[in-house]
């Protein structure tokens, strides 16, 4: 297995588990945000974050 394949597999598993991190627990909330790039009226890219309910 190549390094990039091993890393991709580990990241996919980490993502599927909800990004668990004992040292940085807020990382899951940050990475689980739905991000959308759209163009504004001037053609500039703007970042839109879909709202989520927090428990």
C-alpha atoms as a PDB file:
ATOM      1  CA  UNK A   1       0.000   0.000   0.000  1.00  0.00           C
ATOM      2  CA  UNK A   2       1.349   3.430  -0.937  1.00  0.00           C
ATOM      3  CA  UNK A   3       1.595   6.208   1.656  1.00  0.00           C
ATOM      4  CA  UNK A   4      -1.188   8.296   0.069  1.00  0.00           C
ATOM      5  CA  UNK A   5      -3.479   5.249   0.079  1.00  0.00           C
ATOM      6  CA  UNK A   6      -2.757   4.531   3.744  1.00  0.00           C
ATOM      7  CA  UNK A   7      -3.383   8.153   4.680  1.00  0.00           C
ATOM      8  CA  UNK A   8      -6.612   8.273   2.660  1.00  0.00           C
ATOM      9  CA  UNK A   9      -7.869   5.134   4.402  1.00  0.00           C
ATOM     10  CA  UNK A  10      -7.060   6.489   7.877  1.00  0.00           C
ATOM     11  CA  UNK A  11      -8.664   9.861   7.138  1.00  0.00           C
ATOM     12  CA  UNK A  12     -11.776   8.151   5.742  1.00  0.00           C
ATOM     13  CA  UNK A  13     -12.090   6.123   8.940  1.00  0.00           C
ATOM     14  CA  UNK A  14     -11.530   9.199  11.101  1.00  0.00           C
ATOM     15  CA  UNK A  15     -14.210  11.060   9.111  1.00  0.00           C
ATOM     16  CA  UNK A  16     -16.656   8.138   9.374  1.00  0.00           C
ATOM     17  CA  UNK A  17     -16.140   8.052  13.161  1.00  0.00           C
ATOM     18  CA  UNK A  18     -17.011  11.756  13.451  1.00  0.00           C
ATOM     19  CA  UNK A  19     -13.455  13.140  13.756  1.00  0.00           C
ATOM     20  CA  UNK A  20     -12.760  11.995  17.332  1.00  0.00           C
ATOM     21  CA  UNK A  21      -9.890  13.772  19.100  1.00  0.00           C
ATOM     22  CA  UNK A  22      -9.134  13.607  22.810  1.00  0.00           C
ATOM     23  CA  UNK A  23      -6.621  16.438  22.625  1.00  0.00           C
ATOM     24  CA  UNK A  24      -8.717  18.768  20.448  1.00  0.00           C
ATOM     25  CA  UNK A  25     -12.415  17.848  20.922  1.00  0.00           C
ATOM     26  CA  UNK A  26     -13.654  20.964  19.088  1.00  0.00           C
ATOM     27  CA  UNK A  27     -12.096  19.733  15.841  1.00  0.00           C
ATOM     28  CA  UNK A  28     -15.160  17.546  15.195  1.00  0.00           C
ATOM     29  CA  UNK A  29     -17.483  20.541  15.306  1.00  0.00           C
ATOM     30  CA  UNK A  30     -15.210  22.536  13.023  1.00  0.00           C
ATOM     31  CA  UNK A  31     -14.804  19.765  10.439  1.00  0.00           C
ATOM     32  CA  UNK A  32     -18.482  18.751  10.429  1.00  0.00           C
ATOM     33  CA  UNK A  33     -19.628  22.148   9.132  1.00  0.00           C
ATOM     34  CA  UNK A  34     -21.256  22.142   5.702  1.00  0.00           C
ATOM     35  CA  UNK A  35     -19.310  24.611   3.600  1.00  0.00           C
ATOM     36  CA  UNK A  36     -20.569  26.053   0.330  1.00  0.00           C
ATOM     37  CA  UNK A  37     -18.631  28.336  -2.009  1.00  0.00           C
ATOM     38  CA  UNK A  38     -20.777  30.696  -4.081  1.00  0.00           C
ATOM     39  CA  UNK A  39     -20.081  33.743  -6.190  1.00  0.00           C
ATOM     40  CA  UNK A  40     -21.471  37.102  -5.134  1.00  0.00           C
ATOM     41  CA  UNK A  41     -22.777  39.768  -7.507  1.00  0.00           C
ATOM     42  CA  UNK A  42     -19.224  40.901  -8.328  1.00  0.00           C
ATOM     43  CA  UNK A  43     -18.075  37.393  -9.134  1.00  0.00           C
ATOM     44  CA  UNK A  44     -16.015  37.093  -5.973  1.00  0.00           C
ATOM     45  CA  UNK A  45     -16.089  33.791  -4.147  1.00  0.00           C
ATOM     46  CA  UNK A  46     -17.809  33.907  -0.777  1.00  0.00           C
ATOM     47  CA  UNK A  47     -17.970  31.205   1.853  1.00  0.00           C
ATOM     48  CA  UNK A  48     -21.399  30.196   3.119  1.00  0.00           C
ATOM     49  CA  UNK A  49     -21.734  27.916   6.101  1.00  0.00           C
ATOM     50  CA  UNK A  50     -24.960  25.996   6.422  1.00  0.00           C
ATOM     51  CA  UNK A  51     -26.464  26.403   9.903  1.00  0.00           C
ATOM     52  CA  UNK A  52     -26.531  23.373  12.198  1.00  0.00           C
ATOM     53  CA  UNK A  53     -28.295  22.624  15.432  1.00  0.00           C
ATOM     54  CA  UNK A  54     -25.952  22.035  18.346  1.00  0.00           C
ATOM     55  CA  UNK A  55     -26.776  19.640  21.138  1.00  0.00           C
END
